[in-house]
Amino acid sequence: MATDPSNEKLPGTFKAFIKKFPKLGQAHEMVAQAVEEAGPLDAKQCCLIKIGICVGAGLESALRSHVRRAIEAGATTQEIEQAVLLGMNTVGFPSTVAAWSWAWQQIDRGT
């Protein structure tokens, strides 16, 4: 999956960055592809794990992106919610509720 700066679904700041620094965008994509190919997890599982990482790191834009990608990979709303809720005991209630609201904002928007 190559990063296309004209892709309307990508955040504007990300698009501007990879347009200005295309080699860094290409390197980023190569690393992402290599990581996904490094093990047995399928695209849906990778997206759900990345949602959990975003919950822990408090990354709203990335979480929305991975929710969109998870839906595209066949994840259900319940699977996405569980990926978010798994952070409850680790990152706490407020962070989990915030991430849950971000996920639902993306789910409500559709893919």
Protein backbone atom coordinates (compact mmCIF):
# COMPACT_ATOMS: atom_id res chain seq x y z
CA MET A 1 0.00 0.00 0.00
CA ALA A 2 1.87 3.06 -1.20
CA THR A 3 1.22 6.39 0.48
CA ASP A 4 -0.39 8.63 -2.08
CA PRO A 5 -0.28 12.30 -0.99
CA SER A 6 -3.49 12.93 -2.95
CA ASN A 7 -5.43 10.36 -0.87
CA GLU A 8 -8.28 12.36 0.71
CA LYS A 9 -8.46 10.02 3.71
CA LEU A 10 -4.97 10.91 4.92
CA PRO A 11 -4.57 13.77 7.42
CA GLY A 12 -3.50 17.03 5.79
CA THR A 13 -0.34 17.38 7.86
CA PHE A 14 0.78 13.87 6.88
CA LYS A 15 0.08 14.57 3.21
CA ALA A 16 2.02 17.85 3.35
CA PHE A 17 4.96 16.14 5.09
CA ILE A 18 5.31 13.30 2.58
CA LYS A 19 4.84 15.70 -0.31
CA LYS A 20 7.71 17.84 0.98
CA PHE A 21 9.84 14.81 1.96
CA PRO A 22 8.90 12.04 -0.49
CA LYS A 23 11.91 9.86 0.30
CA LEU A 24 10.94 9.81 3.99
CA GLY A 25 7.38 8.89 2.99
CA GLN A 26 8.69 6.04 0.85
CA ALA A 27 10.98 4.83 3.64
CA HIS A 28 8.07 4.96 6.10
CA GLU A 29 5.95 2.84 3.76
CA MET A 30 8.77 0.33 3.22
CA VAL A 31 9.20 -0.14 6.98
CA ALA A 32 5.43 -0.48 7.47
CA GLN A 33 5.21 -3.11 4.74
CA ALA A 34 8.23 -5.03 6.07
CA VAL A 35 6.77 -5.09 9.59
CA GLU A 36 3.42 -6.37 8.35
CA GLU A 37 5.15 -9.11 6.35
CA ALA A 38 7.43 -10.10 9.26
CA GLY A 39 4.93 -12.38 10.95
CA PRO A 40 1.77 -14.42 10.63
CA LEU A 41 -0.79 -11.75 11.61
CA ASP A 42 -3.30 -10.76 8.97
CA ALA A 43 -4.23 -7.17 8.09
CA LYS A 44 -7.22 -7.09 10.45
CA GLN A 45 -5.19 -8.35 13.40
CA CYS A 46 -2.44 -5.82 12.68
CA CYS A 47 -4.97 -2.99 12.59
CA LEU A 48 -6.56 -4.06 15.87
CA ILE A 49 -3.16 -4.20 17.55
CA LYS A 50 -2.30 -0.77 16.16
CA ILE A 51 -5.56 0.56 17.59
CA GLY A 52 -4.43 -0.68 21.00
CA ILE A 53 -1.04 0.96 20.56
CA CYS A 54 -2.76 4.23 19.66
CA VAL A 55 -4.91 4.02 22.79
CA GLY A 56 -1.81 3.68 24.94
CA ALA A 57 0.04 6.47 23.18
CA GLY A 58 -2.97 8.80 23.01
CA LEU A 59 -2.70 9.16 19.23
CA GLU A 60 -6.11 10.37 18.05
CA SER A 61 -5.38 10.80 14.34
CA ALA A 62 -3.54 7.48 14.09
CA LEU A 63 -6.30 5.69 16.00
CA ARG A 64 -8.91 6.99 13.56
CA SER A 65 -6.74 5.88 10.65
CA HIS A 66 -6.35 2.38 12.06
CA VAL A 67 -10.07 2.14 12.83
CA ARG A 68 -10.77 2.98 9.18
CA ARG A 69 -8.20 0.44 8.03
CA ALA A 70 -9.53 -2.20 10.44
CA ILE A 71 -13.04 -1.77 9.03
CA GLU A 72 -11.63 -2.06 5.50
CA ALA A 73 -9.84 -5.27 6.60
CA GLY A 74 -13.12 -6.75 7.86
CA ALA A 75 -13.08 -5.89 11.58
CA THR A 76 -16.43 -5.59 13.28
CA THR A 77 -17.46 -2.72 15.53
CA GLN A 78 -17.30 -5.12 18.48
CA GLU A 79 -13.71 -6.11 17.65
CA ILE A 80 -12.68 -2.45 17.37
CA GLU A 81 -14.35 -1.63 20.67
CA GLN A 82 -12.61 -4.52 22.41
CA ALA A 83 -9.24 -3.38 21.03
CA VAL A 84 -9.91 0.01 22.62
CA LEU A 85 -11.31 -1.37 25.88
CA LEU A 86 -8.28 -3.61 26.44
CA GLY A 87 -6.40 -0.46 27.38
CA MET A 88 -8.66 0.25 30.37
CA ASN A 89 -6.50 -1.27 33.12
CA THR A 90 -3.24 -0.22 31.51
CA VAL A 91 -3.78 3.40 30.47
CA GLY A 92 -6.81 4.19 32.62
CA PHE A 93 -10.44 5.13 32.29
CA PRO A 94 -10.11 8.68 30.89
CA SER A 95 -7.69 7.65 28.13
CA THR A 96 -9.83 4.68 27.19
CA VAL A 97 -13.03 6.72 27.06
CA ALA A 98 -11.31 9.36 24.91
CA ALA A 99 -10.01 6.68 22.53
CA TRP A 100 -13.44 5.04 22.42
CA SER A 101 -14.98 8.37 21.40
CA TRP A 102 -12.36 8.84 18.65
CA ALA A 103 -13.04 5.33 17.37
CA TRP A 104 -16.77 5.98 17.25
CA GLN A 105 -16.28 9.27 15.46
CA GLN A 106 -14.48 7.33 12.73
CA ILE A 107 -16.97 4.45 12.76
CA ASP A 108 -19.84 6.93 12.39
CA ARG A 109 -18.04 8.58 9.45
CA GLY A 110 -17.72 5.24 7.70
CA THR A 111 -14.68 4.30 5.65
